[in-house]
Amino acid sequence: MERQLTLMAVHAHPDDEVLSTGGALAAAAAEGIRTVLVTCTNGEQGDGPGGAKPGTPGHDEAQVRAVRLAELNESVALLGISDLELLGYADSGMVGWAANESPTAFANVPLEESVGRLVALMERYRPDVVVTYDENGGYGHPDHIRAHRITVAAIEASGIPAKFYHTAIPRARFAELFEYLRSSGADIGDFELPEDFGTPDEQITTFVDVSREVERKVKALEAHASQGENIFLLRLPEEGKHRALGQECFIRQFSSVPVPEHEDDLFAGLR
């Protein structure tokens, strides 16, 4: 009997699973590939009712945690993800926030503890492919950086995955997208794209067409309604959503199986 392929994505917070990997997870699930989402924190530093920020009236961490985990479960169901594993650590908040100082924050938990828990999950699920953020966590968030670190360490300790990827945002393609959005009059608020945003396109090894999964990704993003103020993509016209969400990009870190230099499939060489 042929062994079932398994994809594991390691993310920091509820809602992170959608933008950079939601399409790949949904497409894999639709193929019958086992999909495992590891979410490291409970997202307590997200917005509270009415957009209340941490430390302001109306923001209650316990309430935010309950809401965000419920939203995560809905998103997982919409994307067809087969297995959700919660590490349950406290959200560390953005750089400079008071939560950074908490000893229970994910970024401050002893590395060997969180690595050990992720190793145990890798030993349980035996993932063929693992995906997480790059060493800067995509944009410098402490929890994203820690998710990267524990994933690298767990892969090294377990030796299980055949392939490992960082998520990536192609710089040139997103610059073109924002030019299109501005010219089309799309509602992007005061968001400005930094010149160094994203990854130089030539560094990206894997471009996955997930255009068939855009509707699922949109619904999964909508499931994270409590954070909707921060998800400007939901305000875009349909064409803008398809342009922004129809492709997911990755940088292959290693592969123990032969693969082409450029891929359109995270499971290239494994099928």
C-alpha atoms as a PDB file:
ATOM      1  CA  MET A   1       0.000   0.000   0.000  1.00  0.00           C
ATOM      2  CA  GLU A   2       1.404   3.387  -1.043  1.00  0.00           C
ATOM      3  CA  ARG A   3       2.173   5.688   1.881  1.00  0.00           C
ATOM      4  CA  GLN A   4       0.110   8.863   2.106  1.00  0.00           C
ATOM      5  CA  LEU A   5       2.060  12.049   1.432  1.00  0.00           C
ATOM      6  CA  THR A   6       2.019  14.647   4.208  1.00  0.00           C
ATOM      7  CA  LEU A   7       2.467  18.430   4.152  1.00  0.00           C
ATOM      8  CA  MET A   8       3.180  20.281   7.408  1.00  0.00           C
ATOM      9  CA  ALA A   9       2.982  24.071   7.702  1.00  0.00           C
ATOM     10  CA  VAL A  10       4.307  25.738  10.860  1.00  0.00           C
ATOM     11  CA  HIS A  11       2.734  29.140  11.554  1.00  0.00           C
ATOM     12  CA  ALA A  12       2.870  31.644  14.384  1.00  0.00           C
ATOM     13  CA  HIS A  13      -0.727  32.861  14.846  1.00  0.00           C
ATOM     14  CA  PRO A  14      -4.307  32.098  13.888  1.00  0.00           C
ATOM     15  CA  ASP A  15      -4.845  33.604  10.370  1.00  0.00           C
ATOM     16  CA  ASP A  16      -1.196  33.220   9.284  1.00  0.00           C
ATOM     17  CA  GLU A  17      -2.086  29.918   7.657  1.00  0.00           C
ATOM     18  CA  VAL A  18      -4.173  31.529   4.933  1.00  0.00           C
ATOM     19  CA  LEU A  19      -2.179  34.112   2.979  1.00  0.00           C
ATOM     20  CA  SER A  20       1.071  32.313   2.199  1.00  0.00           C
ATOM     21  CA  THR A  21       0.035  28.651   2.413  1.00  0.00           C
ATOM     22  CA  GLY A  22      -3.771  28.454   2.369  1.00  0.00           C
ATOM     23  CA  GLY A  23      -3.914  27.609  -1.317  1.00  0.00           C
ATOM     24  CA  ALA A  24      -1.199  24.966  -1.131  1.00  0.00           C
ATOM     25  CA  LEU A  25      -2.845  23.389   1.914  1.00  0.00           C
ATOM     26  CA  ALA A  26      -6.299  23.413   0.313  1.00  0.00           C
ATOM     27  CA  ALA A  27      -5.028  22.009  -3.000  1.00  0.00           C
ATOM     28  CA  ALA A  28      -3.068  19.267  -1.240  1.00  0.00           C
ATOM     29  CA  ALA A  29      -6.058  18.362   0.916  1.00  0.00           C
ATOM     30  CA  ALA A  30      -8.256  18.140  -2.178  1.00  0.00           C
ATOM     31  CA  GLU A  31      -5.763  15.647  -3.640  1.00  0.00           C
ATOM     32  CA  GLY A  32      -5.955  13.435  -0.579  1.00  0.00           C
ATOM     33  CA  ILE A  33      -2.602  14.537   0.809  1.00  0.00           C
ATOM     34  CA  ARG A  34      -2.568  14.764   4.598  1.00  0.00           C
ATOM     35  CA  THR A  35      -2.240  18.384   5.679  1.00  0.00           C
ATOM     36  CA  VAL A  36      -0.963  19.314   9.130  1.00  0.00           C
ATOM     37  CA  LEU A  37      -1.127  22.876  10.427  1.00  0.00           C
ATOM     38  CA  VAL A  38       0.949  23.679  13.515  1.00  0.00           C
ATOM     39  CA  THR A  39      -0.099  27.009  15.058  1.00  0.00           C
ATOM     40  CA  CYS A  40       2.365  28.119  17.714  1.00  0.00           C
ATOM     41  CA  THR A  41       0.450  30.843  19.588  1.00  0.00           C
ATOM     42  CA  ASN A  42      -3.118  31.672  20.526  1.00  0.00           C
ATOM     43  CA  GLY A  43      -3.056  35.181  19.030  1.00  0.00           C
ATOM     44  CA  GLU A  44      -3.909  37.071  22.241  1.00  0.00           C
ATOM     45  CA  GLN A  45      -2.168  40.202  20.961  1.00  0.00           C
ATOM     46  CA  GLY A  46      -4.561  40.529  18.055  1.00  0.00           C
ATOM     47  CA  ASP A  47      -7.394  43.038  17.912  1.00  0.00           C
ATOM     48  CA  GLY A  48     -10.217  42.882  20.415  1.00  0.00           C
ATOM     49  CA  PRO A  49     -13.839  43.957  19.836  1.00  0.00           C
ATOM     50  CA  GLY A  50     -14.102  47.069  17.691  1.00  0.00           C
ATOM     51  CA  GLY A  51     -10.414  46.842  16.800  1.00  0.00           C
ATOM     52  CA  ALA A  52      -9.243  47.413  20.396  1.00  0.00           C
ATOM     53  CA  LYS A  53      -5.467  47.046  20.608  1.00  0.00           C
ATOM     54  CA  PRO A  54      -3.570  45.337  23.431  1.00  0.00           C
ATOM     55  CA  GLY A  55      -3.340  47.559  26.504  1.00  0.00           C
ATOM     56  CA  THR A  56      -6.359  49.662  25.558  1.00  0.00           C
ATOM     57  CA  PRO A  57      -9.918  49.573  26.978  1.00  0.00           C
ATOM     58  CA  GLY A  58     -11.966  46.751  25.520  1.00  0.00           C
ATOM     59  CA  HIS A  59      -9.033  44.415  24.919  1.00  0.00           C
ATOM     60  CA  ASP A  60      -9.238  41.256  27.023  1.00  0.00           C
ATOM     61  CA  GLU A  61      -6.592  38.660  26.210  1.00  0.00           C
ATOM     62  CA  ALA A  62      -8.706  35.685  27.282  1.00  0.00           C
ATOM     63  CA  GLN A  63     -11.580  36.842  25.103  1.00  0.00           C
ATOM     64  CA  VAL A  64      -9.318  37.516  22.122  1.00  0.00           C
ATOM     65  CA  ARG A  65      -7.724  34.088  22.529  1.00  0.00           C
ATOM     66  CA  ALA A  66     -11.108  32.318  22.544  1.00  0.00           C
ATOM     67  CA  VAL A  67     -12.335  34.225  19.507  1.00  0.00           C
ATOM     68  CA  ARG A  68      -9.183  33.705  17.476  1.00  0.00           C
ATOM     69  CA  LEU A  69      -8.984  29.979  18.167  1.00  0.00           C
ATOM     70  CA  ALA A  70     -12.630  29.590  17.136  1.00  0.00           C
ATOM     71  CA  GLU A  71     -11.871  31.505  13.944  1.00  0.00           C
ATOM     72  CA  LEU A  72      -8.865  29.269  13.330  1.00  0.00           C
ATOM     73  CA  ASN A  73     -11.005  26.157  13.572  1.00  0.00           C
ATOM     74  CA  GLU A  74     -13.410  27.611  11.012  1.00  0.00           C
ATOM     75  CA  SER A  75     -10.550  28.513   8.666  1.00  0.00           C
ATOM     76  CA  VAL A  76      -9.075  25.011   8.975  1.00  0.00           C
ATOM     77  CA  ALA A  77     -12.433  23.484   8.049  1.00  0.00           C
ATOM     78  CA  LEU A  78     -12.845  25.794   5.057  1.00  0.00           C
ATOM     79  CA  LEU A  79      -9.365  24.950   3.736  1.00  0.00           C
ATOM     80  CA  GLY A  80      -9.915  21.223   4.273  1.00  0.00           C
ATOM     81  CA  ILE A  81      -6.860  20.883   6.534  1.00  0.00           C
ATOM     82  CA  SER A  82      -6.899  17.405   8.045  1.00  0.00           C
ATOM     83  CA  ASP A  83      -4.953  17.998  11.272  1.00  0.00           C
ATOM     84  CA  LEU A  84      -4.590  21.096  13.457  1.00  0.00           C
ATOM     85  CA  GLU A  85      -1.983  21.071  16.214  1.00  0.00           C
ATOM     86  CA  LEU A  86      -1.930  23.938  18.721  1.00  0.00           C
ATOM     87  CA  LEU A  87       1.276  24.533  20.658  1.00  0.00           C
ATOM     88  CA  GLY A  88      -0.727  26.995  22.773  1.00  0.00           C
ATOM     89  CA  TYR A  89       1.989  29.533  23.554  1.00  0.00           C
ATOM     90  CA  ALA A  90       1.187  33.137  24.402  1.00  0.00           C
ATOM     91  CA  ASP A  91       1.410  35.667  21.573  1.00  0.00           C
ATOM     92  CA  SER A  92       4.605  37.760  21.909  1.00  0.00           C
ATOM     93  CA  GLY A  93       3.144  40.805  20.136  1.00  0.00           C
ATOM     94  CA  MET A  94       4.884  43.034  17.641  1.00  0.00           C
ATOM     95  CA  VAL A  95       8.429  44.285  18.255  1.00  0.00           C
ATOM     96  CA  GLY A  96       8.433  46.843  21.081  1.00  0.00           C
ATOM     97  CA  TRP A  97       5.117  45.788  22.611  1.00  0.00           C
ATOM     98  CA  ALA A  98       4.830  45.111  26.347  1.00  0.00           C
ATOM     99  CA  ALA A  99       4.038  41.453  25.640  1.00  0.00           C
ATOM    100  CA  ASN A 100       7.625  41.029  24.427  1.00  0.00           C
ATOM    101  CA  GLU A 101       8.724  40.960  28.077  1.00  0.00           C
ATOM    102  CA  SER A 102       6.448  38.165  29.245  1.00  0.00           C
ATOM    103  CA  PRO A 103       8.342  34.995  30.181  1.00  0.00           C
ATOM    104  CA  THR A 104       5.412  32.939  28.859  1.00  0.00           C
ATOM    105  CA  ALA A 105       5.499  34.578  25.414  1.00  0.00           C
ATOM    106  CA  PHE A 106       6.404  32.163  22.630  1.00  0.00           C
ATOM    107  CA  ALA A 107       9.561  34.105  21.734  1.00  0.00           C
ATOM    108  CA  ASN A 108      10.813  33.720  25.332  1.00  0.00           C
ATOM    109  CA  VAL A 109       9.983  30.064  25.948  1.00  0.00           C
ATOM    110  CA  PRO A 110      13.179  27.980  26.142  1.00  0.00           C
ATOM    111  CA  LEU A 111      13.964  26.823  22.630  1.00  0.00           C
ATOM    112  CA  GLU A 112      14.545  23.221  23.650  1.00  0.00           C
ATOM    113  CA  GLU A 113      10.989  22.982  24.996  1.00  0.00           C
ATOM    114  CA  SER A 114       9.216  24.211  21.876  1.00  0.00           C
ATOM    115  CA  VAL A 115      11.615  22.344  19.583  1.00  0.00           C
ATOM    116  CA  GLY A 116      10.974  19.135  21.494  1.00  0.00           C
ATOM    117  CA  ARG A 117       7.233  19.498  21.031  1.00  0.00           C
ATOM    118  CA  LEU A 118       7.608  20.091  17.303  1.00  0.00           C
ATOM    119  CA  VAL A 119       9.974  17.132  16.958  1.00  0.00           C
ATOM    120  CA  ALA A 120       7.304  14.966  18.598  1.00  0.00           C
ATOM    121  CA  LEU A 121       4.756  16.163  16.026  1.00  0.00           C
ATOM    122  CA  MET A 122       7.139  15.441  13.166  1.00  0.00           C
ATOM    123  CA  GLU A 123       7.711  11.957  14.535  1.00  0.00           C
ATOM    124  CA  ARG A 124       3.951  11.455  14.762  1.00  0.00           C
ATOM    125  CA  TYR A 125       2.983  12.755  11.327  1.00  0.00           C
ATOM    126  CA  ARG A 126       6.208  11.988   9.367  1.00  0.00           C
ATOM    127  CA  PRO A 127       5.835  15.012   7.030  1.00  0.00           C
ATOM    128  CA  ASP A 128       7.370  14.714   3.575  1.00  0.00           C
ATOM    129  CA  VAL A 129       7.297  18.474   3.088  1.00  0.00           C
ATOM    130  CA  VAL A 130       7.568  21.197   5.731  1.00  0.00           C
ATOM    131  CA  VAL A 131       6.915  24.897   5.174  1.00  0.00           C
ATOM    132  CA  THR A 132       7.505  27.889   7.447  1.00  0.00           C
ATOM    133  CA  TYR A 133       8.859  31.462   7.352  1.00  0.00           C
ATOM    134  CA  ASP A 134      12.385  32.602   6.525  1.00  0.00           C
ATOM    135  CA  GLU A 135      14.908  33.590   9.200  1.00  0.00           C
ATOM    136  CA  ASN A 136      13.359  37.081   9.480  1.00  0.00           C
ATOM    137  CA  GLY A 137       9.903  35.625   9.895  1.00  0.00           C
ATOM    138  CA  GLY A 138       8.837  37.328   6.697  1.00  0.00           C
ATOM    139  CA  TYR A 139       8.663  40.787   8.300  1.00  0.00           C
ATOM    140  CA  GLY A 140      10.447  40.631  11.645  1.00  0.00           C
ATOM    141  CA  HIS A 141       7.657  39.541  13.989  1.00  0.00           C
ATOM    142  CA  PRO A 142       9.205  37.820  17.052  1.00  0.00           C
ATOM    143  CA  ASP A 143       6.806  34.874  16.869  1.00  0.00           C
ATOM    144  CA  HIS A 144       7.429  34.332  13.164  1.00  0.00           C
ATOM    145  CA  ILE A 145      11.178  34.344  13.777  1.00  0.00           C
ATOM    146  CA  ARG A 146      10.764  31.851  16.626  1.00  0.00           C
ATOM    147  CA  ALA A 147       8.538  29.628  14.445  1.00  0.00           C
ATOM    148  CA  HIS A 148      11.335  29.595  11.869  1.00  0.00           C
ATOM    149  CA  ARG A 149      13.942  28.725  14.492  1.00  0.00           C
ATOM    150  CA  ILE A 150      12.022  25.851  16.061  1.00  0.00           C
ATOM    151  CA  THR A 151      11.164  24.426  12.646  1.00  0.00           C
ATOM    152  CA  VAL A 152      14.773  24.418  11.476  1.00  0.00           C
ATOM    153  CA  ALA A 153      15.905  22.860  14.756  1.00  0.00           C
ATOM    154  CA  ALA A 154      13.151  20.226  14.689  1.00  0.00           C
ATOM    155  CA  ILE A 155      13.987  19.247  11.124  1.00  0.00           C
ATOM    156  CA  GLU A 156      17.662  18.906  12.014  1.00  0.00           C
ATOM    157  CA  ALA A 157      16.849  16.864  15.124  1.00  0.00           C
ATOM    158  CA  SER A 158      14.309  14.560  13.483  1.00  0.00           C
ATOM    159  CA  GLY A 159      15.786  14.188  10.006  1.00  0.00           C
ATOM    160  CA  ILE A 160      12.295  13.332   8.779  1.00  0.00           C
ATOM    161  CA  PRO A 161      11.173  15.760   6.031  1.00  0.00           C
ATOM    162  CA  ALA A 162      12.348  15.122   2.489  1.00  0.00           C
ATOM    163  CA  LYS A 163      11.818  18.746   1.485  1.00  0.00           C
ATOM    164  CA  PHE A 164      11.819  22.053   3.372  1.00  0.00           C
ATOM    165  CA  TYR A 165      10.633  25.460   2.178  1.00  0.00           C
ATOM    166  CA  HIS A 166      10.434  29.065   3.286  1.00  0.00           C
ATOM    167  CA  THR A 167       7.378  31.055   2.276  1.00  0.00           C
ATOM    168  CA  ALA A 168       8.172  34.032   0.043  1.00  0.00           C
ATOM    169  CA  ILE A 169       6.518  37.102  -1.453  1.00  0.00           C
ATOM    170  CA  PRO A 170       7.957  37.897  -4.893  1.00  0.00           C
ATOM    171  CA  ARG A 171       9.057  41.526  -4.847  1.00  0.00           C
ATOM    172  CA  ALA A 172       8.497  42.397  -8.503  1.00  0.00           C
ATOM    173  CA  ARG A 173       5.128  40.657  -8.755  1.00  0.00           C
ATOM    174  CA  PHE A 174       3.790  42.421  -5.671  1.00  0.00           C
ATOM    175  CA  ALA A 175       5.066  45.783  -6.869  1.00  0.00           C
ATOM    176  CA  GLU A 176       3.093  45.153 -10.075  1.00  0.00           C
ATOM    177  CA  LEU A 177       0.063  44.136  -8.026  1.00  0.00           C
ATOM    178  CA  PHE A 178       0.112  47.355  -6.008  1.00  0.00           C
ATOM    179  CA  GLU A 179       0.543  49.434  -9.125  1.00  0.00           C
ATOM    180  CA  TYR A 180      -2.532  47.711 -10.542  1.00  0.00           C
ATOM    181  CA  LEU A 181      -4.473  48.312  -7.315  1.00  0.00           C
ATOM    182  CA  ARG A 182      -3.630  52.004  -7.251  1.00  0.00           C
ATOM    183  CA  SER A 183      -4.482  52.463 -10.916  1.00  0.00           C
ATOM    184  CA  SER A 184      -7.781  50.602 -10.492  1.00  0.00           C
ATOM    185  CA  GLY A 185      -8.849  52.712  -7.511  1.00  0.00           C
ATOM    186  CA  ALA A 186      -8.949  49.738  -5.154  1.00  0.00           C
ATOM    187  CA  ASP A 187      -9.442  50.462  -1.455  1.00  0.00           C
ATOM    188  CA  ILE A 188      -5.990  49.875   0.035  1.00  0.00           C
ATOM    189  CA  GLY A 189      -6.243  52.677   2.605  1.00  0.00           C
ATOM    190  CA  ASP A 190      -2.920  54.343   3.422  1.00  0.00           C
ATOM    191  CA  PHE A 191      -0.923  51.136   2.959  1.00  0.00           C
ATOM    192  CA  GLU A 192       2.420  51.747   1.283  1.00  0.00           C
ATOM    193  CA  LEU A 193       4.629  48.966  -0.046  1.00  0.00           C
ATOM    194  CA  PRO A 194       8.222  49.392   1.194  1.00  0.00           C
ATOM    195  CA  GLU A 195      10.817  49.309  -1.587  1.00  0.00           C
ATOM    196  CA  ASP A 196      12.532  46.296  -0.017  1.00  0.00           C
ATOM    197  CA  PHE A 197       9.277  44.432   0.641  1.00  0.00           C
ATOM    198  CA  GLY A 198       9.339  40.780  -0.318  1.00  0.00           C
ATOM    199  CA  THR A 199      11.971  38.529  -1.863  1.00  0.00           C
ATOM    200  CA  PRO A 200      13.860  39.166  -5.100  1.00  0.00           C
ATOM    201  CA  ASP A 201      12.041  37.042  -7.661  1.00  0.00           C
ATOM    202  CA  GLU A 202      15.210  35.307  -8.810  1.00  0.00           C
ATOM    203  CA  GLN A 203      15.624  33.716  -5.360  1.00  0.00           C
ATOM    204  CA  ILE A 204      12.251  31.993  -5.517  1.00  0.00           C
ATOM    205  CA  THR A 205      12.420  28.347  -6.536  1.00  0.00           C
ATOM    206  CA  THR A 206       8.785  27.315  -6.409  1.00  0.00           C
ATOM    207  CA  PHE A 207       5.763  29.064  -7.874  1.00  0.00           C
ATOM    208  CA  VAL A 208       2.522  27.214  -7.092  1.00  0.00           C
ATOM    209  CA  ASP A 209      -0.644  28.055  -9.015  1.00  0.00           C
ATOM    210  CA  VAL A 210      -3.466  28.104  -6.467  1.00  0.00           C
ATOM    211  CA  SER A 211      -5.939  30.081  -8.557  1.00  0.00           C
ATOM    212  CA  ARG A 212      -8.556  27.347  -8.116  1.00  0.00           C
ATOM    213  CA  GLU A 213      -8.345  27.856  -4.359  1.00  0.00           C
ATOM    214  CA  VAL A 214      -8.822  31.650  -4.260  1.00  0.00           C
ATOM    215  CA  GLU A 215     -12.457  31.413  -3.201  1.00  0.00           C
ATOM    216  CA  ARG A 216     -11.508  29.098  -0.334  1.00  0.00           C
ATOM    217  CA  LYS A 217      -8.696  31.426   0.724  1.00  0.00           C
ATOM    218  CA  VAL A 218     -11.059  34.405   0.732  1.00  0.00           C
ATOM    219  CA  LYS A 219     -13.597  32.510   2.841  1.00  0.00           C
ATOM    220  CA  ALA A 220     -10.835  31.431   5.224  1.00  0.00           C
ATOM    221  CA  LEU A 221      -9.646  35.033   5.548  1.00  0.00           C
ATOM    222  CA  GLU A 222     -13.227  36.130   6.191  1.00  0.00           C
ATOM    223  CA  ALA A 223     -13.414  33.521   8.951  1.00  0.00           C
ATOM    224  CA  HIS A 224     -10.785  35.575  10.818  1.00  0.00           C
ATOM    225  CA  ALA A 225     -13.294  38.399  11.095  1.00  0.00           C
ATOM    226  CA  SER A 226     -11.933  39.795  14.363  1.00  0.00           C
ATOM    227  CA  GLN A 227      -8.746  40.783  12.525  1.00  0.00           C
ATOM    228  CA  GLY A 228     -10.535  42.040   9.420  1.00  0.00           C
ATOM    229  CA  GLU A 229      -9.307  45.614   9.895  1.00  0.00           C
ATOM    230  CA  ASN A 230      -5.774  44.332   9.228  1.00  0.00           C
ATOM    231  CA  ILE A 231      -6.644  42.215   6.170  1.00  0.00           C
ATOM    232  CA  PHE A 232      -6.922  44.822   3.435  1.00  0.00           C
ATOM    233  CA  LEU A 233      -7.020  42.111   0.752  1.00  0.00           C
ATOM    234  CA  LEU A 234     -10.633  41.456   1.686  1.00  0.00           C
ATOM    235  CA  ARG A 235     -11.506  44.960   0.489  1.00  0.00           C
ATOM    236  CA  LEU A 236     -10.179  44.357  -3.003  1.00  0.00           C
ATOM    237  CA  PRO A 237     -12.329  43.799  -6.099  1.00  0.00           C
ATOM    238  CA  GLU A 238     -12.534  40.207  -7.345  1.00  0.00           C
ATOM    239  CA  GLU A 239      -9.776  40.620  -9.928  1.00  0.00           C
ATOM    240  CA  GLY A 240      -7.505  42.105  -7.284  1.00  0.00           C
ATOM    241  CA  LYS A 241      -8.151  39.169  -4.950  1.00  0.00           C
ATOM    242  CA  HIS A 242      -7.299  36.708  -7.716  1.00  0.00           C
ATOM    243  CA  ARG A 243      -4.110  38.565  -8.570  1.00  0.00           C
ATOM    244  CA  ALA A 244      -3.036  38.703  -4.933  1.00  0.00           C
ATOM    245  CA  LEU A 245      -4.082  35.231  -3.808  1.00  0.00           C
ATOM    246  CA  GLY A 246      -3.841  33.046  -6.914  1.00  0.00           C
ATOM    247  CA  GLN A 247      -0.172  32.130  -6.589  1.00  0.00           C
ATOM    248  CA  GLU A 248       1.934  31.063  -3.611  1.00  0.00           C
ATOM    249  CA  CYS A 249       5.707  31.200  -3.691  1.00  0.00           C
ATOM    250  CA  PHE A 250       8.429  29.384  -1.800  1.00  0.00           C
ATOM    251  CA  ILE A 251      12.185  29.103  -1.537  1.00  0.00           C
ATOM    252  CA  ARG A 252      13.370  25.510  -1.335  1.00  0.00           C
ATOM    253  CA  GLN A 253      15.918  25.067   1.449  1.00  0.00           C
ATOM    254  CA  PHE A 254      16.726  21.458   0.736  1.00  0.00           C
ATOM    255  CA  SER A 255      15.427  18.356  -0.986  1.00  0.00           C
ATOM    256  CA  SER A 256      16.597  14.801  -0.474  1.00  0.00           C
ATOM    257  CA  VAL A 257      14.989  13.816  -3.782  1.00  0.00           C
ATOM    258  CA  PRO A 258      15.984  15.029  -7.256  1.00  0.00           C
ATOM    259  CA  VAL A 259      14.045  18.149  -8.296  1.00  0.00           C
ATOM    260  CA  PRO A 260      14.225  20.687 -11.111  1.00  0.00           C
ATOM    261  CA  GLU A 261      15.778  24.060 -10.337  1.00  0.00           C
ATOM    262  CA  HIS A 262      12.351  25.661 -10.571  1.00  0.00           C
ATOM    263  CA  GLU A 263       9.191  23.857  -9.491  1.00  0.00           C
ATOM    264  CA  ASP A 264       5.450  24.386  -9.636  1.00  0.00           C
ATOM    265  CA  ASP A 265       4.715  21.683  -7.057  1.00  0.00           C
ATOM    266  CA  LEU A 266       5.869  21.313  -3.453  1.00  0.00           C
ATOM    267  CA  PHE A 267       5.783  17.558  -3.955  1.00  0.00           C
ATOM    268  CA  ALA A 268       7.949  17.485  -7.084  1.00  0.00           C
ATOM    269  CA  GLY A 269      10.188  14.421  -6.886  1.00  0.00           C
ATOM    270  CA  LEU A 270       7.934  12.703  -4.338  1.00  0.00           C
ATOM    271  CA  ARG A 271       4.983  11.639  -6.480  1.00  0.00           C
END
